[in-house]
Amino acid sequence: MARKCVSCGKKPVKGNAVSHSNRKTLRFFNPNLQKVNILLAGKKSKEYVCTKCLKAGKVVKAPFRA
């Protein structure tokens, strides 16, 4: 399952972990994704959303009882 922000499309990116001896190995930089209940097309849905989108108010969190 690919973890991706529903709002902005942010997903893990690849990079290098560089040791002291300058050896490079592959590593991933993962976005801070939270699984939250949001309103998507008028319906309640549990989706992955990055914390930047949550703080910016780009998604509408669903009420607890809907």
PDB file of N, CA and C in Angstrom:
ATOM      1  N   MET A   1       0.845  -1.173   0.000  1.00  0.00           N
ATOM      2  CA  MET A   1       0.000   0.000   0.000  1.00  0.00           C
ATOM      3  C   MET A   1       0.893   1.240   0.000  1.00  0.00           C
ATOM      4  N   ALA A   2       0.713   2.084  -0.982  1.00  0.00           N
ATOM      5  CA  ALA A   2       1.489   3.306  -1.069  1.00  0.00           C
ATOM      6  C   ALA A   2       0.894   4.349  -0.136  1.00  0.00           C
ATOM      7  N   ARG A   3       1.734   4.931   0.729  1.00  0.00           N
ATOM      8  CA  ARG A   3       1.258   5.964   1.643  1.00  0.00           C
ATOM      9  C   ARG A   3       1.498   7.320   0.988  1.00  0.00           C
ATOM     10  N   LYS A   4       0.394   8.052   0.796  1.00  0.00           N
ATOM     11  CA  LYS A   4       0.434   9.297   0.060  1.00  0.00           C
ATOM     12  C   LYS A   4      -0.617  10.224   0.634  1.00  0.00           C
ATOM     13  N   CYS A   5      -0.299  11.514   0.747  1.00  0.00           N
ATOM     14  CA  CYS A   5      -1.254  12.494   1.263  1.00  0.00           C
ATOM     15  C   CYS A   5      -2.382  12.680   0.245  1.00  0.00           C
ATOM     16  N   VAL A   6      -3.620  12.623   0.726  1.00  0.00           N
ATOM     17  CA  VAL A   6      -4.772  12.773  -0.152  1.00  0.00           C
ATOM     18  C   VAL A   6      -4.863  14.201  -0.670  1.00  0.00           C
ATOM     19  N   SER A   7      -4.479  15.163   0.138  1.00  0.00           N
ATOM     20  CA  SER A   7      -4.629  16.572  -0.209  1.00  0.00           C
ATOM     21  C   SER A   7      -3.559  17.050  -1.184  1.00  0.00           C
ATOM     22  N   CYS A   8      -2.275  16.884  -0.833  1.00  0.00           N
ATOM     23  CA  CYS A   8      -1.200  17.464  -1.645  1.00  0.00           C
ATOM     24  C   CYS A   8      -0.413  16.441  -2.452  1.00  0.00           C
ATOM     25  N   GLY A   9      -0.606  15.146  -2.191  1.00  0.00           N
ATOM     26  CA  GLY A   9       0.097  14.123  -2.954  1.00  0.00           C
ATOM     27  C   GLY A   9       1.506  13.848  -2.477  1.00  0.00           C
ATOM     28  N   LYS A  10       1.846  14.341  -1.281  1.00  0.00           N
ATOM     29  CA  LYS A  10       3.188  14.129  -0.744  1.00  0.00           C
ATOM     30  C   LYS A  10       3.391  12.647  -0.462  1.00  0.00           C
ATOM     31  N   LYS A  11       4.580  12.116  -0.834  1.00  0.00           N
ATOM     32  CA  LYS A  11       4.878  10.699  -0.644  1.00  0.00           C
ATOM     33  C   LYS A  11       6.354  10.548  -0.292  1.00  0.00           C
ATOM     34  N   PRO A  12       6.810   9.353   0.083  1.00  0.00           N
ATOM     35  CA  PRO A  12       8.220   9.171   0.418  1.00  0.00           C
ATOM     36  C   PRO A  12       9.132   9.452  -0.771  1.00  0.00           C
ATOM     37  N   VAL A  13      10.299  10.047  -0.480  1.00  0.00           N
ATOM     38  CA  VAL A  13      11.304  10.291  -1.509  1.00  0.00           C
ATOM     39  C   VAL A  13      12.589   9.562  -1.126  1.00  0.00           C
ATOM     40  N   LYS A  14      13.372   9.191  -2.131  1.00  0.00           N
ATOM     41  CA  LYS A  14      14.619   8.462  -1.899  1.00  0.00           C
ATOM     42  C   LYS A  14      15.782   9.423  -1.766  1.00  0.00           C
ATOM     43  N   GLY A  15      16.765   8.983  -1.016  1.00  0.00           N
ATOM     44  CA  GLY A  15      17.984   9.753  -0.862  1.00  0.00           C
ATOM     45  C   GLY A  15      19.096   8.825  -0.414  1.00  0.00           C
ATOM     46  N   ASN A  16      20.222   9.401  -0.058  1.00  0.00           N
ATOM     47  CA  ASN A  16      21.362   8.617   0.384  1.00  0.00           C
ATOM     48  C   ASN A  16      21.655   8.868   1.850  1.00  0.00           C
ATOM     49  N   ALA A  17      21.933   7.776   2.594  1.00  0.00           N
ATOM     50  CA  ALA A  17      22.494   7.880   3.926  1.00  0.00           C
ATOM     51  C   ALA A  17      24.002   7.835   3.734  1.00  0.00           C
ATOM     52  N   VAL A  18      24.687   8.892   4.148  1.00  0.00           N
ATOM     53  CA  VAL A  18      26.125   9.000   3.913  1.00  0.00           C
ATOM     54  C   VAL A  18      26.856   8.797   5.234  1.00  0.00           C
ATOM     55  N   SER A  19      27.716   7.788   5.278  1.00  0.00           N
ATOM     56  CA  SER A  19      28.469   7.489   6.491  1.00  0.00           C
ATOM     57  C   SER A  19      29.687   8.398   6.608  1.00  0.00           C
ATOM     58  N   HIS A  20      30.398   8.252   7.712  1.00  0.00           N
ATOM     59  CA  HIS A  20      31.599   9.062   7.944  1.00  0.00           C
ATOM     60  C   HIS A  20      32.670   8.767   6.888  1.00  0.00           C
ATOM     61  N   SER A  21      32.726   7.516   6.416  1.00  0.00           N
ATOM     62  CA  SER A  21      33.703   7.149   5.383  1.00  0.00           C
ATOM     63  C   SER A  21      33.183   7.438   3.970  1.00  0.00           C
ATOM     64  N   ASN A  22      32.068   8.161   3.891  1.00  0.00           N
ATOM     65  CA  ASN A  22      31.465   8.608   2.634  1.00  0.00           C
ATOM     66  C   ASN A  22      30.874   7.469   1.801  1.00  0.00           C
ATOM     67  N   ARG A  23      30.507   6.362   2.454  1.00  0.00           N
ATOM     68  CA  ARG A  23      29.770   5.296   1.758  1.00  0.00           C
ATOM     69  C   ARG A  23      28.303   5.699   1.700  1.00  0.00           C
ATOM     70  N   LYS A  24      27.669   5.418   0.572  1.00  0.00           N
ATOM     71  CA  LYS A  24      26.280   5.836   0.391  1.00  0.00           C
ATOM     72  C   LYS A  24      25.367   4.624   0.280  1.00  0.00           C
ATOM     73  N   THR A  25      24.308   4.616   1.077  1.00  0.00           N
ATOM     74  CA  THR A  25      23.292   3.577   1.007  1.00  0.00           C
ATOM     75  C   THR A  25      21.931   4.246   0.867  1.00  0.00           C
ATOM     76  N   LEU A  26      21.016   3.561   0.224  1.00  0.00           N
ATOM     77  CA  LEU A  26      19.694   4.113  -0.057  1.00  0.00           C
ATOM     78  C   LEU A  26      18.868   4.216   1.213  1.00  0.00           C
ATOM     79  N   ARG A  27      18.174   5.330   1.367  1.00  0.00           N
ATOM     80  CA  ARG A  27      17.251   5.511   2.482  1.00  0.00           C
ATOM     81  C   ARG A  27      16.042   6.276   1.979  1.00  0.00           C
ATOM     82  N   PHE A  28      14.986   6.311   2.788  1.00  0.00           N
ATOM     83  CA  PHE A  28      13.756   7.005   2.427  1.00  0.00           C
ATOM     84  C   PHE A  28      13.479   8.137   3.401  1.00  0.00           C
ATOM     85  N   PHE A  29      12.973   9.241   2.878  1.00  0.00           N
ATOM     86  CA  PHE A  29      12.497  10.345   3.695  1.00  0.00           C
ATOM     87  C   PHE A  29      10.972  10.281   3.647  1.00  0.00           C
ATOM     88  N   ASN A  30      10.356   9.896   4.761  1.00  0.00           N
ATOM     89  CA  ASN A  30       8.911   9.714   4.807  1.00  0.00           C
ATOM     90  C   ASN A  30       8.222  10.976   5.317  1.00  0.00           C
ATOM     91  N   PRO A  31       7.101  11.382   4.684  1.00  0.00           N
ATOM     92  CA  PRO A  31       6.352  12.524   5.197  1.00  0.00           C
ATOM     93  C   PRO A  31       5.597  12.116   6.463  1.00  0.00           C
ATOM     94  N   ASN A  32       5.259  13.099   7.276  1.00  0.00           N
ATOM     95  CA  ASN A  32       4.520  12.845   8.511  1.00  0.00           C
ATOM     96  C   ASN A  32       3.043  12.718   8.170  1.00  0.00           C
ATOM     97  N   LEU A  33       2.598  11.486   7.927  1.00  0.00           N
ATOM     98  CA  LEU A  33       1.210  11.226   7.547  1.00  0.00           C
ATOM     99  C   LEU A  33       0.430  10.700   8.737  1.00  0.00           C
ATOM    100  N   GLN A  34      -0.805  11.181   8.864  1.00  0.00           N
ATOM    101  CA  GLN A  34      -1.710  10.734   9.916  1.00  0.00           C
ATOM    102  C   GLN A  34      -2.971  10.211   9.254  1.00  0.00           C
ATOM    103  N   LYS A  35      -3.530   9.129   9.794  1.00  0.00           N
ATOM    104  CA  LYS A  35      -4.775   8.583   9.267  1.00  0.00           C
ATOM    105  C   LYS A  35      -5.920   9.223  10.036  1.00  0.00           C
ATOM    106  N   VAL A  36      -6.684  10.083   9.367  1.00  0.00           N
ATOM    107  CA  VAL A  36      -7.756  10.835  10.010  1.00  0.00           C
ATOM    108  C   VAL A  36      -9.049  10.694   9.230  1.00  0.00           C
ATOM    109  N   ASN A  37     -10.166  10.899   9.939  1.00  0.00           N
ATOM    110  CA  ASN A  37     -11.475  10.930   9.301  1.00  0.00           C
ATOM    111  C   ASN A  37     -11.676  12.312   8.695  1.00  0.00           C
ATOM    112  N   ILE A  38     -11.902  12.359   7.374  1.00  0.00           N
ATOM    113  CA  ILE A  38     -12.110  13.630   6.690  1.00  0.00           C
ATOM    114  C   ILE A  38     -13.384  13.542   5.864  1.00  0.00           C
ATOM    115  N   LEU A  39     -13.882  14.706   5.477  1.00  0.00           N
ATOM    116  CA  LEU A  39     -15.020  14.752   4.567  1.00  0.00           C
ATOM    117  C   LEU A  39     -14.479  14.828   3.155  1.00  0.00           C
ATOM    118  N   LEU A  40     -14.741  13.801   2.363  1.00  0.00           N
ATOM    119  CA  LEU A  40     -14.266  13.721   0.989  1.00  0.00           C
ATOM    120  C   LEU A  40     -15.482  13.542   0.091  1.00  0.00           C
ATOM    121  N   ALA A  41     -15.782  14.553  -0.694  1.00  0.00           N
ATOM    122  CA  ALA A  41     -16.963  14.569  -1.579  1.00  0.00           C
ATOM    123  C   ALA A  41     -18.242  14.393  -0.779  1.00  0.00           C
ATOM    124  N   GLY A  42     -18.284  15.017   0.399  1.00  0.00           N
ATOM    125  CA  GLY A  42     -19.488  14.974   1.233  1.00  0.00           C
ATOM    126  C   GLY A  42     -19.652  13.722   2.059  1.00  0.00           C
ATOM    127  N   LYS A  43     -18.730  12.776   1.962  1.00  0.00           N
ATOM    128  CA  LYS A  43     -18.819  11.533   2.714  1.00  0.00           C
ATOM    129  C   LYS A  43     -17.640  11.411   3.666  1.00  0.00           C
ATOM    130  N   LYS A  44     -17.876  10.738   4.787  1.00  0.00           N
ATOM    131  CA  LYS A  44     -16.831  10.521   5.778  1.00  0.00           C
ATOM    132  C   LYS A  44     -15.913   9.412   5.282  1.00  0.00           C
ATOM    133  N   SER A  45     -14.594   9.677   5.329  1.00  0.00           N
ATOM    134  CA  SER A  45     -13.621   8.714   4.830  1.00  0.00           C
ATOM    135  C   SER A  45     -12.369   8.791   5.684  1.00  0.00           C
ATOM    136  N   LYS A  46     -11.763   7.638   5.969  1.00  0.00           N
ATOM    137  CA  LYS A  46     -10.525   7.589   6.745  1.00  0.00           C
ATOM    138  C   LYS A  46      -9.365   7.515   5.762  1.00  0.00           C
ATOM    139  N   GLU A  47      -8.581   8.592   5.692  1.00  0.00           N
ATOM    140  CA  GLU A  47      -7.509   8.709   4.703  1.00  0.00           C
ATOM    141  C   GLU A  47      -6.227   9.203   5.366  1.00  0.00           C
ATOM    142  N   TYR A  48      -5.103   9.038   4.641  1.00  0.00           N
ATOM    143  CA  TYR A  48      -3.822   9.570   5.091  1.00  0.00           C
ATOM    144  C   TYR A  48      -3.694  11.027   4.653  1.00  0.00           C
ATOM    145  N   VAL A  49      -3.368  11.899   5.626  1.00  0.00           N
ATOM    146  CA  VAL A  49      -3.182  13.326   5.359  1.00  0.00           C
ATOM    147  C   VAL A  49      -1.909  13.763   6.067  1.00  0.00           C
ATOM    148  N   CYS A  50      -1.069  14.570   5.389  1.00  0.00           N
ATOM    149  CA  CYS A  50       0.156  15.049   6.034  1.00  0.00           C
ATOM    150  C   CYS A  50      -0.196  16.141   7.047  1.00  0.00           C
ATOM    151  N   THR A  51       0.662  16.306   8.031  1.00  0.00           N
ATOM    152  CA  THR A  51       0.381  17.236   9.118  1.00  0.00           C
ATOM    153  C   THR A  51       0.387  18.686   8.642  1.00  0.00           C
ATOM    154  N   LYS A  52       1.145  18.991   7.591  1.00  0.00           N
ATOM    155  CA  LYS A  52       1.142  20.356   7.068  1.00  0.00           C
ATOM    156  C   LYS A  52      -0.226  20.721   6.499  1.00  0.00           C
ATOM    157  N   CYS A  53      -0.886  19.778   5.830  1.00  0.00           N
ATOM    158  CA  CYS A  53      -2.223  20.033   5.296  1.00  0.00           C
ATOM    159  C   CYS A  53      -3.242  20.153   6.427  1.00  0.00           C
ATOM    160  N   LEU A  54      -3.071  19.366   7.491  1.00  0.00           N
ATOM    161  CA  LEU A  54      -3.971  19.456   8.635  1.00  0.00           C
ATOM    162  C   LEU A  54      -3.850  20.814   9.313  1.00  0.00           C
ATOM    163  N   LYS A  55      -2.613  21.279   9.528  1.00  0.00           N
ATOM    164  CA  LYS A  55      -2.405  22.562  10.192  1.00  0.00           C
ATOM    165  C   LYS A  55      -2.878  23.730   9.336  1.00  0.00           C
ATOM    166  N   ALA A  56      -2.715  23.607   8.019  1.00  0.00           N
ATOM    167  CA  ALA A  56      -3.097  24.687   7.108  1.00  0.00           C
ATOM    168  C   ALA A  56      -4.598  24.723   6.857  1.00  0.00           C
ATOM    169  N   GLY A  57      -5.324  23.674   7.266  1.00  0.00           N
ATOM    170  CA  GLY A  57      -6.769  23.638   7.065  1.00  0.00           C
ATOM    171  C   GLY A  57      -7.166  23.292   5.643  1.00  0.00           C
ATOM    172  N   LYS A  58      -6.321  22.560   4.933  1.00  0.00           N
ATOM    173  CA  LYS A  58      -6.621  22.192   3.551  1.00  0.00           C
ATOM    174  C   LYS A  58      -7.637  21.061   3.454  1.00  0.00           C
ATOM    175  N   VAL A  59      -7.836  20.327   4.544  1.00  0.00           N
ATOM    176  CA  VAL A  59      -8.842  19.264   4.577  1.00  0.00           C
ATOM    177  C   VAL A  59      -9.808  19.550   5.723  1.00  0.00           C
ATOM    178  N   VAL A  60     -11.046  19.082   5.574  1.00  0.00           N
ATOM    179  CA  VAL A  60     -12.060  19.268   6.602  1.00  0.00           C
ATOM    180  C   VAL A  60     -12.193  17.970   7.375  1.00  0.00           C
ATOM    181  N   LYS A  61     -11.882  18.017   8.674  1.00  0.00           N
ATOM    182  CA  LYS A  61     -12.025  16.821   9.497  1.00  0.00           C
ATOM    183  C   LYS A  61     -13.508  16.545   9.699  1.00  0.00           C
ATOM    184  N   ALA A  62     -13.861  15.263   9.627  1.00  0.00           N
ATOM    185  CA  ALA A  62     -15.260  14.865   9.788  1.00  0.00           C
ATOM    186  C   ALA A  62     -15.642  14.940  11.259  1.00  0.00           C
ATOM    187  N   PRO A  63     -16.902  15.294  11.551  1.00  0.00           N
ATOM    188  CA  PRO A  63     -17.332  15.291  12.941  1.00  0.00           C
ATOM    189  C   PRO A  63     -17.291  13.876  13.512  1.00  0.00           C
ATOM    190  N   PHE A  64     -17.204  13.783  14.839  1.00  0.00           N
ATOM    191  CA  PHE A  64     -17.081  12.491  15.476  1.00  0.00           C
ATOM    192  C   PHE A  64     -18.273  11.589  15.186  1.00  0.00           C
ATOM    193  N   ARG A  65     -19.465  12.142  15.262  1.00  0.00           N
ATOM    194  CA  ARG A  65     -20.688  11.376  14.939  1.00  0.00           C
ATOM    195  C   ARG A  65     -21.313  11.975  13.702  1.00  0.00           C
ATOM    196  N   ALA A  66     -21.170  11.278  12.565  1.00  0.00           N
ATOM    197  CA  ALA A  66     -21.747  11.796  11.325  1.00  0.00           C
ATOM    198  C   ALA A  66     -22.556  10.719  10.642  1.00  0.00           C
TER     199      ALA A  66
END
